[in-house]
Amino acid sequence: QVQLVESGGGLVQAGGSLRLSCAASGRTFSSYAMGWFRQAPGKEREFVASINWTSGSIYYADSVKGRFTISRDNAKNTVYLQMNNLKPEDTAVYYCAADSRGRTWIILRGRDVDAWGQGTQVTVSS
């Protein structure tokens, strides 16, 4: 069973940066498809970014392209989300997700994933 634990959220001023981390359990982490999602108050959860080590594919939501970077360290079973030039509209609870069979399309649609993290709050002040 995959377990995910996020960290790195916090309060930052507009234009600032944060790096989120998501540590995963599992001996075959390098084959997982991983993703980040976020949910703002009163809104549905939305896709932010995904990464698949096996295929090399990386995808971003249009709203974060050029500002956010997803990466992973397979030796540490960890995926990261570097967020630069943060805007107040980036304020949300951020969640990571995993598909242990490496199915990026599962991550992209945000349903039927193997695991979700508990979420970490990101607040961007104007």
Foldseek 3Di string as FASTA:
>chain_A
DKAKAKDWADEEAAQAKIKMKIAMDDDQLLQKKKFKWWDDPPGDIAGAKIAGNVVGDIDGDPVQPPFWDWDDDVVRNMIMIIGGRDDQVVWTWMKMFIANNNDVVCVNVVPPTPDIYPTDTHGYHD
